[in-house]
PDB file of N, CA and C in Angstrom:
ATOM      1  N   MET A   1      -4.922 -36.669  24.053  1.00  0.00           N
ATOM      2  CA  MET A   1      -4.306 -35.483  23.517  1.00  0.00           C
ATOM      3  C   MET A   1      -4.869 -34.272  24.242  1.00  0.00           C
ATOM      4  N   LYS A   2      -4.075 -33.213  24.286  1.00  0.00           N
ATOM      5  CA  LYS A   2      -4.501 -31.997  24.962  1.00  0.00           C
ATOM      6  C   LYS A   2      -4.930 -30.988  23.898  1.00  0.00           C
ATOM      7  N   LEU A   3      -6.121 -30.421  24.059  1.00  0.00           N
ATOM      8  CA  LEU A   3      -6.689 -29.494  23.086  1.00  0.00           C
ATOM      9  C   LEU A   3      -6.942 -28.133  23.721  1.00  0.00           C
ATOM     10  N   ARG A   4      -6.932 -27.069  22.891  1.00  0.00           N
ATOM     11  CA  ARG A   4      -7.270 -25.723  23.348  1.00  0.00           C
ATOM     12  C   ARG A   4      -8.314 -25.132  22.407  1.00  0.00           C
ATOM     13  N   VAL A   5      -9.371 -24.557  22.967  1.00  0.00           N
ATOM     14  CA  VAL A   5     -10.437 -23.921  22.192  1.00  0.00           C
ATOM     15  C   VAL A   5      -9.907 -22.608  21.614  1.00  0.00           C
ATOM     16  N   THR A   6     -10.092 -22.414  20.282  1.00  0.00           N
ATOM     17  CA  THR A   6      -9.625 -21.194  19.622  1.00  0.00           C
ATOM     18  C   THR A   6     -10.766 -20.369  19.030  1.00  0.00           C
ATOM     19  N   LYS A   7     -11.947 -20.970  18.882  1.00  0.00           N
ATOM     20  CA  LYS A   7     -13.106 -20.266  18.327  1.00  0.00           C
ATOM     21  C   LYS A   7     -14.344 -20.617  19.127  1.00  0.00           C
ATOM     22  N   ARG A   8     -15.316 -19.724  19.121  1.00  0.00           N
ATOM     23  CA  ARG A   8     -16.565 -19.961  19.840  1.00  0.00           C
ATOM     24  C   ARG A   8     -17.372 -21.076  19.180  1.00  0.00           C
ATOM     25  N   GLY A   9     -18.285 -21.657  19.951  1.00  0.00           N
ATOM     26  CA  GLY A   9     -19.178 -22.665  19.405  1.00  0.00           C
ATOM     27  C   GLY A   9     -18.928 -24.072  19.918  1.00  0.00           C
ATOM     28  N   CYS A  10     -18.007 -24.220  20.858  1.00  0.00           N
ATOM     29  CA  CYS A  10     -17.731 -25.532  21.454  1.00  0.00           C
ATOM     30  C   CYS A  10     -18.470 -25.615  22.784  1.00  0.00           C
ATOM     31  N   PHE A  11     -19.259 -26.654  22.944  1.00  0.00           N
ATOM     32  CA  PHE A  11     -20.004 -26.841  24.187  1.00  0.00           C
ATOM     33  C   PHE A  11     -19.560 -28.138  24.849  1.00  0.00           C
ATOM     34  N   GLY A  12     -19.528 -28.118  26.164  1.00  0.00           N
ATOM     35  CA  GLY A  12     -19.136 -29.292  26.918  1.00  0.00           C
ATOM     36  C   GLY A  12     -19.509 -29.120  28.372  1.00  0.00           C
ATOM     37  N   ARG A  13     -19.060 -30.035  29.209  1.00  0.00           N
ATOM     38  CA  ARG A  13     -19.357 -29.976  30.647  1.00  0.00           C
ATOM     39  C   ARG A  13     -18.196 -29.340  31.392  1.00  0.00           C
ATOM     40  N   ILE A  14     -18.515 -28.322  32.154  1.00  0.00           N
ATOM     41  CA  ILE A  14     -17.555 -27.683  33.039  1.00  0.00           C
ATOM     42  C   ILE A  14     -18.138 -27.772  34.437  1.00  0.00           C
ATOM     43  N   ASP A  15     -17.456 -28.469  35.327  1.00  0.00           N
ATOM     44  CA  ASP A  15     -17.936 -28.680  36.697  1.00  0.00           C
ATOM     45  C   ASP A  15     -19.350 -29.264  36.724  1.00  0.00           C
ATOM     46  N   GLY A  16     -19.633 -30.169  35.784  1.00  0.00           N
ATOM     47  CA  GLY A  16     -20.909 -30.867  35.759  1.00  0.00           C
ATOM     48  C   GLY A  16     -22.031 -30.155  35.025  1.00  0.00           C
ATOM     49  N   ALA A  17     -21.835 -28.900  34.622  1.00  0.00           N
ATOM     50  CA  ALA A  17     -22.881 -28.151  33.916  1.00  0.00           C
ATOM     51  C   ALA A  17     -22.491 -27.982  32.447  1.00  0.00           C
ATOM     52  N   VAL A  18     -23.468 -28.132  31.546  1.00  0.00           N
ATOM     53  CA  VAL A  18     -23.219 -27.938  30.125  1.00  0.00           C
ATOM     54  C   VAL A  18     -23.130 -26.439  29.862  1.00  0.00           C
ATOM     55  N   ALA A  19     -22.034 -26.025  29.216  1.00  0.00           N
ATOM     56  CA  ALA A  19     -21.810 -24.607  28.945  1.00  0.00           C
ATOM     57  C   ALA A  19     -20.944 -24.457  27.701  1.00  0.00           C
ATOM     58  N   GLU A  20     -20.921 -23.249  27.139  1.00  0.00           N
ATOM     59  CA  GLU A  20     -20.023 -22.976  26.025  1.00  0.00           C
ATOM     60  C   GLU A  20     -18.610 -22.868  26.590  1.00  0.00           C
ATOM     61  N   LEU A  21     -17.674 -23.590  25.978  1.00  0.00           N
ATOM     62  CA  LEU A  21     -16.295 -23.572  26.443  1.00  0.00           C
ATOM     63  C   LEU A  21     -15.663 -22.240  26.041  1.00  0.00           C
ATOM     64  N   PRO A  22     -15.048 -21.537  26.984  1.00  0.00           N
ATOM     65  CA  PRO A  22     -14.445 -20.240  26.662  1.00  0.00           C
ATOM     66  C   PRO A  22     -13.209 -20.402  25.784  1.00  0.00           C
ATOM     67  N   ILE A  23     -12.924 -19.381  24.982  1.00  0.00           N
ATOM     68  CA  ILE A  23     -11.718 -19.400  24.150  1.00  0.00           C
ATOM     69  C   ILE A  23     -10.520 -19.460  25.083  1.00  0.00           C
ATOM     70  N   GLY A  24      -9.595 -20.339  24.774  1.00  0.00           N
ATOM     71  CA  GLY A  24      -8.413 -20.543  25.598  1.00  0.00           C
ATOM     72  C   GLY A  24      -8.549 -21.708  26.561  1.00  0.00           C
ATOM     73  N   TYR A  25      -9.763 -22.271  26.689  1.00  0.00           N
ATOM     74  CA  TYR A  25     -10.004 -23.402  27.588  1.00  0.00           C
ATOM     75  C   TYR A  25      -9.228 -24.616  27.086  1.00  0.00           C
ATOM     76  N   GLU A  26      -8.511 -25.287  27.959  1.00  0.00           N
ATOM     77  CA  GLU A  26      -7.732 -26.472  27.611  1.00  0.00           C
ATOM     78  C   GLU A  26      -8.341 -27.708  28.253  1.00  0.00           C
ATOM     79  N   PHE A  27      -8.368 -28.803  27.501  1.00  0.00           N
ATOM     80  CA  PHE A  27      -8.907 -30.059  28.024  1.00  0.00           C
ATOM     81  C   PHE A  27      -8.252 -31.230  27.318  1.00  0.00           C
ATOM     82  N   CYS A  28      -8.392 -32.398  27.910  1.00  0.00           N
ATOM     83  CA  CYS A  28      -7.833 -33.619  27.337  1.00  0.00           C
ATOM     84  C   CYS A  28      -8.939 -34.454  26.713  1.00  0.00           C
ATOM     85  N   ALA A  29      -8.643 -35.070  25.597  1.00  0.00           N
ATOM     86  CA  ALA A  29      -9.608 -35.932  24.902  1.00  0.00           C
ATOM     87  C   ALA A  29      -8.826 -37.026  24.178  1.00  0.00           C
ATOM     88  N   THR A  30      -9.491 -38.138  23.916  1.00  0.00           N
ATOM     89  CA  THR A  30      -8.846 -39.215  23.176  1.00  0.00           C
ATOM     90  C   THR A  30      -8.858 -38.947  21.679  1.00  0.00           C
ATOM     91  N   ASP A  31      -9.805 -38.115  21.222  1.00  0.00           N
ATOM     92  CA  ASP A  31      -9.951 -37.773  19.810  1.00  0.00           C
ATOM     93  C   ASP A  31     -10.602 -36.400  19.728  1.00  0.00           C
ATOM     94  N   ILE A  32     -10.438 -35.707  18.599  1.00  0.00           N
ATOM     95  CA  ILE A  32     -11.088 -34.408  18.433  1.00  0.00           C
ATOM     96  C   ILE A  32     -12.556 -34.657  18.085  1.00  0.00           C
ATOM     97  N   PRO A  33     -13.491 -34.147  18.909  1.00  0.00           N
ATOM     98  CA  PRO A  33     -14.910 -34.311  18.586  1.00  0.00           C
ATOM     99  C   PRO A  33     -15.233 -33.665  17.236  1.00  0.00           C
ATOM    100  N   THR A  34     -16.072 -34.288  16.442  1.00  0.00           N
ATOM    101  CA  THR A  34     -16.404 -33.807  15.101  1.00  0.00           C
ATOM    102  C   THR A  34     -16.852 -32.350  15.107  1.00  0.00           C
ATOM    103  N   ALA A  35     -17.681 -31.957  16.058  1.00  0.00           N
ATOM    104  CA  ALA A  35     -18.183 -30.586  16.123  1.00  0.00           C
ATOM    105  C   ALA A  35     -17.090 -29.575  16.468  1.00  0.00           C
ATOM    106  N   PHE A  36     -15.956 -30.037  16.980  1.00  0.00           N
ATOM    107  CA  PHE A  36     -14.882 -29.131  17.399  1.00  0.00           C
ATOM    108  C   PHE A  36     -13.824 -28.915  16.320  1.00  0.00           C
ATOM    109  N   ILE A  37     -13.898 -29.645  15.212  1.00  0.00           N
ATOM    110  CA  ILE A  37     -12.898 -29.518  14.151  1.00  0.00           C
ATOM    111  C   ILE A  37     -12.921 -28.089  13.621  1.00  0.00           C
ATOM    112  N   GLY A  38     -11.746 -27.471  13.580  1.00  0.00           N
ATOM    113  CA  GLY A  38     -11.622 -26.086  13.139  1.00  0.00           C
ATOM    114  C   GLY A  38     -11.822 -25.084  14.264  1.00  0.00           C
ATOM    115  N   ARG A  39     -12.208 -25.555  15.432  1.00  0.00           N
ATOM    116  CA  ARG A  39     -12.433 -24.675  16.582  1.00  0.00           C
ATOM    117  C   ARG A  39     -11.436 -24.921  17.708  1.00  0.00           C
ATOM    118  N   VAL A  40     -10.629 -25.969  17.586  1.00  0.00           N
ATOM    119  CA  VAL A  40      -9.630 -26.290  18.603  1.00  0.00           C
ATOM    120  C   VAL A  40      -8.280 -26.541  17.934  1.00  0.00           C
ATOM    121  N   ILE A  41      -7.221 -26.407  18.731  1.00  0.00           N
ATOM    122  CA  ILE A  41      -5.891 -26.769  18.255  1.00  0.00           C
ATOM    123  C   ILE A  41      -5.336 -27.841  19.188  1.00  0.00           C
ATOM    124  N   VAL A  42      -4.441 -28.666  18.651  1.00  0.00           N
ATOM    125  CA  VAL A  42      -3.807 -29.721  19.438  1.00  0.00           C
ATOM    126  C   VAL A  42      -2.552 -29.144  20.084  1.00  0.00           C
ATOM    127  N   LEU A  43      -2.486 -29.219  21.413  1.00  0.00           N
ATOM    128  CA  LEU A  43      -1.313 -28.755  22.150  1.00  0.00           C
ATOM    129  C   LEU A  43      -0.315 -29.879  22.358  1.00  0.00           C
ATOM    130  N   GLU A  44      -0.809 -31.043  22.724  1.00  0.00           N
ATOM    131  CA  GLU A  44       0.027 -32.224  22.950  1.00  0.00           C
ATOM    132  C   GLU A  44      -0.679 -33.428  22.368  1.00  0.00           C
ATOM    133  N   GLN A  45       0.088 -34.268  21.728  1.00  0.00           N
ATOM    134  CA  GLN A  45      -0.487 -35.510  21.226  1.00  0.00           C
ATOM    135  C   GLN A  45       0.377 -36.643  21.731  1.00  0.00           C
ATOM    136  N   GLN A  46      -0.216 -37.516  22.520  1.00  0.00           N
ATOM    137  CA  GLN A  46       0.521 -38.632  23.090  1.00  0.00           C
ATOM    138  C   GLN A  46       0.206 -39.897  22.326  1.00  0.00           C
ATOM    139  N   SER A  47       1.228 -40.663  22.066  1.00  0.00           N
ATOM    140  CA  SER A  47       1.071 -41.921  21.358  1.00  0.00           C
ATOM    141  C   SER A  47       0.810 -43.041  22.357  1.00  0.00           C
ATOM    142  N   VAL A  48      -0.095 -43.936  22.008  1.00  0.00           N
ATOM    143  CA  VAL A  48      -0.395 -45.082  22.864  1.00  0.00           C
ATOM    144  C   VAL A  48       0.823 -45.981  22.964  1.00  0.00           C
ATOM    145  N   GLU A  49       1.594 -46.104  21.879  1.00  0.00           N
ATOM    146  CA  GLU A  49       2.786 -46.949  21.869  1.00  0.00           C
ATOM    147  C   GLU A  49       3.825 -46.429  22.864  1.00  0.00           C
ATOM    148  N   VAL A  50       4.000 -45.122  22.940  1.00  0.00           N
ATOM    149  CA  VAL A  50       4.972 -44.546  23.858  1.00  0.00           C
ATOM    150  C   VAL A  50       4.589 -44.867  25.289  1.00  0.00           C
ATOM    151  N   GLU A  51       3.314 -44.740  25.613  1.00  0.00           N
ATOM    152  CA  GLU A  51       2.841 -45.052  26.967  1.00  0.00           C
ATOM    153  C   GLU A  51       3.061 -46.525  27.286  1.00  0.00           C
ATOM    154  N   ALA A  52       2.838 -47.408  26.337  1.00  0.00           N
ATOM    155  CA  ALA A  52       3.022 -48.836  26.553  1.00  0.00           C
ATOM    156  C   ALA A  52       4.507 -49.153  26.789  1.00  0.00           C
ATOM    157  N   ASP A  53       5.394 -48.476  26.047  1.00  0.00           N
ATOM    158  CA  ASP A  53       6.822 -48.679  26.231  1.00  0.00           C
ATOM    159  C   ASP A  53       7.270 -48.235  27.614  1.00  0.00           C
ATOM    160  N   LYS A  54       6.741 -47.123  28.118  1.00  0.00           N
ATOM    161  CA  LYS A  54       7.094 -46.633  29.436  1.00  0.00           C
ATOM    162  C   LYS A  54       6.688 -47.632  30.512  1.00  0.00           C
ATOM    163  N   LYS A  55       5.520 -48.264  30.337  1.00  0.00           N
ATOM    164  CA  LYS A  55       5.045 -49.249  31.312  1.00  0.00           C
ATOM    165  C   LYS A  55       5.956 -50.461  31.329  1.00  0.00           C
ATOM    166  N   LYS A  56       6.432 -50.899  30.151  1.00  0.00           N
ATOM    167  CA  LYS A  56       7.315 -52.066  30.075  1.00  0.00           C
ATOM    168  C   LYS A  56       8.652 -51.773  30.740  1.00  0.00           C
ATOM    169  N   LYS A  57       9.191 -50.576  30.538  1.00  0.00           N
ATOM    170  CA  LYS A  57      10.475 -50.211  31.124  1.00  0.00           C
ATOM    171  C   LYS A  57      10.392 -50.107  32.636  1.00  0.00           C
ATOM    172  N   GLY A  58       9.224 -49.711  33.142  1.00  0.00           N
ATOM    173  CA  GLY A  58       9.039 -49.546  34.573  1.00  0.00           C
ATOM    174  C   GLY A  58       8.946 -50.851  35.330  1.00  0.00           C
ATOM    175  N   LYS A  59       8.664 -51.956  34.647  1.00  0.00           N
ATOM    176  CA  LYS A  59       8.495 -53.262  35.322  1.00  0.00           C
ATOM    177  C   LYS A  59       9.806 -53.936  35.564  1.00  0.00           C
TER     178      LYS A  59
END
């Protein structure tokens, strides 16, 4: 899923260095990290089933 930081207090790795993620920063994750709940919004959520169906159709 694609997430966007909306509030301060989220830390992660940017170009290999640990730093506070700036507001508006977008990143992909498989799940919302517990510490980020209430500080990020979901922009896109992809279903695993949809991806599996696309792979089957492509074969």
